[in-house]
Amino acid sequence: MSHDPLQELFLTIKERQTNPQEGSYTCKLLQKGENTILKKLGEEIVELVMACKDRNSAEIAAETVDVLYHLLVALAFYGVDLSDVYQVLESRRR
């Protein structure tokens, strides 16, 4: 089985959703709910766009990770499994 850091992160997020841990940023986001999750995702997307505009490769990579994390939190919140996203991605490769 190949190493999939996105899947590992998603499983950690799902675990926090099922078994909240005090002090966990993920738990705080999930508990605050939809508006907070979407607001944070939007903020991170804007930061990624600005990093792209600045052509700062290191910042682009860092902001991409932030976007991916918050996107995975949103997927978990809405009950969308990462495997469903992978299936759509695979279907578009053909």
Protein backbone atom coordinates (compact mmCIF):
# COMPACT_ATOMS: atom_id res chain seq x y z
CA MET A 1 0.00 0.00 0.00
CA SER A 2 1.45 3.37 -0.99
CA HIS A 3 1.92 6.23 1.43
CA ASP A 4 -0.87 8.80 1.03
CA PRO A 5 -0.38 11.81 3.30
CA LEU A 6 -3.75 13.31 2.34
CA GLN A 7 -5.55 10.10 3.29
CA GLU A 8 -3.61 9.93 6.55
CA LEU A 9 -4.50 13.53 7.37
CA PHE A 10 -8.14 12.93 6.45
CA LEU A 11 -8.27 9.89 8.73
CA THR A 12 -6.83 11.97 11.57
CA ILE A 13 -9.48 14.64 10.98
CA LYS A 14 -12.22 11.98 10.96
CA GLU A 15 -10.79 10.55 14.20
CA ARG A 16 -10.93 14.00 15.82
CA GLN A 17 -14.51 14.33 14.60
CA THR A 18 -15.46 11.04 16.25
CA ASN A 19 -13.26 11.37 19.34
CA PRO A 20 -12.69 15.07 20.10
CA GLN A 21 -9.49 15.97 21.91
CA GLU A 22 -9.17 19.02 24.11
CA GLY A 23 -6.96 21.68 22.58
CA SER A 24 -7.18 20.24 19.06
CA TYR A 25 -7.48 22.91 16.35
CA THR A 26 -9.34 20.42 14.18
CA CYS A 27 -11.88 19.79 16.94
CA LYS A 28 -12.37 23.53 17.44
CA LEU A 29 -13.10 24.02 13.75
CA LEU A 30 -15.53 21.10 13.62
CA GLN A 31 -17.30 22.23 16.80
CA LYS A 32 -17.64 25.82 15.59
CA GLY A 33 -19.30 24.51 12.45
CA GLU A 34 -20.03 25.46 8.91
CA ASN A 35 -19.50 29.23 8.95
CA THR A 36 -16.14 29.00 10.70
CA ILE A 37 -14.92 26.16 8.50
CA LEU A 38 -15.92 27.91 5.27
CA LYS A 39 -14.55 31.27 6.42
CA LYS A 40 -11.19 29.71 7.27
CA LEU A 41 -11.09 27.78 3.97
CA GLY A 42 -11.81 31.01 2.09
CA GLU A 43 -9.08 32.88 3.98
CA GLU A 44 -6.55 30.18 3.19
CA ILE A 45 -7.50 30.21 -0.50
CA VAL A 46 -6.96 33.98 -0.62
CA GLU A 47 -3.56 33.54 1.04
CA LEU A 48 -2.65 30.94 -1.59
CA VAL A 49 -3.72 33.27 -4.40
CA MET A 50 -1.59 36.06 -2.93
CA ALA A 51 1.42 33.75 -2.61
CA CYS A 52 0.95 32.82 -6.28
CA LYS A 53 0.71 36.47 -7.22
CA ASP A 54 4.01 37.08 -5.37
CA ARG A 55 5.56 34.07 -7.15
CA ASN A 56 6.91 32.85 -3.82
CA SER A 57 7.41 29.10 -4.27
CA ALA A 58 7.94 28.30 -0.58
CA GLU A 59 4.87 30.30 0.42
CA ILE A 60 2.82 28.70 -2.38
CA ALA A 61 3.71 25.26 -1.04
CA ALA A 62 2.92 26.23 2.56
CA GLU A 63 -0.39 27.87 1.68
CA THR A 64 -1.36 24.90 -0.49
CA VAL A 65 -0.93 22.65 2.54
CA ASP A 66 -3.15 25.01 4.57
CA VAL A 67 -5.82 24.95 1.85
CA LEU A 68 -5.68 21.15 1.61
CA TYR A 69 -6.00 20.78 5.39
CA HIS A 70 -9.01 23.11 5.62
CA LEU A 71 -10.56 21.48 2.55
CA LEU A 72 -10.27 18.08 4.24
CA VAL A 73 -11.91 19.50 7.37
CA ALA A 74 -14.78 20.73 5.19
CA LEU A 75 -15.09 17.33 3.50
CA ALA A 76 -15.28 15.62 6.89
CA PHE A 77 -17.82 18.16 8.14
CA TYR A 78 -20.08 17.57 5.13
CA GLY A 79 -19.66 13.80 5.23
CA VAL A 80 -17.81 13.53 1.93
CA ASP A 81 -15.17 10.81 1.95
CA LEU A 82 -11.80 11.48 0.38
CA SER A 83 -12.19 8.26 -1.62
CA ASP A 84 -15.21 9.84 -3.35
CA VAL A 85 -13.02 12.77 -4.37
CA TYR A 86 -10.35 10.37 -5.62
CA GLN A 87 -12.98 8.52 -7.70
CA VAL A 88 -14.07 11.75 -9.38
CA LEU A 89 -10.44 12.69 -9.97
CA GLU A 90 -9.73 9.29 -11.50
CA SER A 91 -12.80 9.53 -13.76
CA ARG A 92 -11.56 12.85 -15.10
CA ARG A 93 -8.17 11.42 -16.03
CA ARG A 94 -9.72 9.30 -18.77
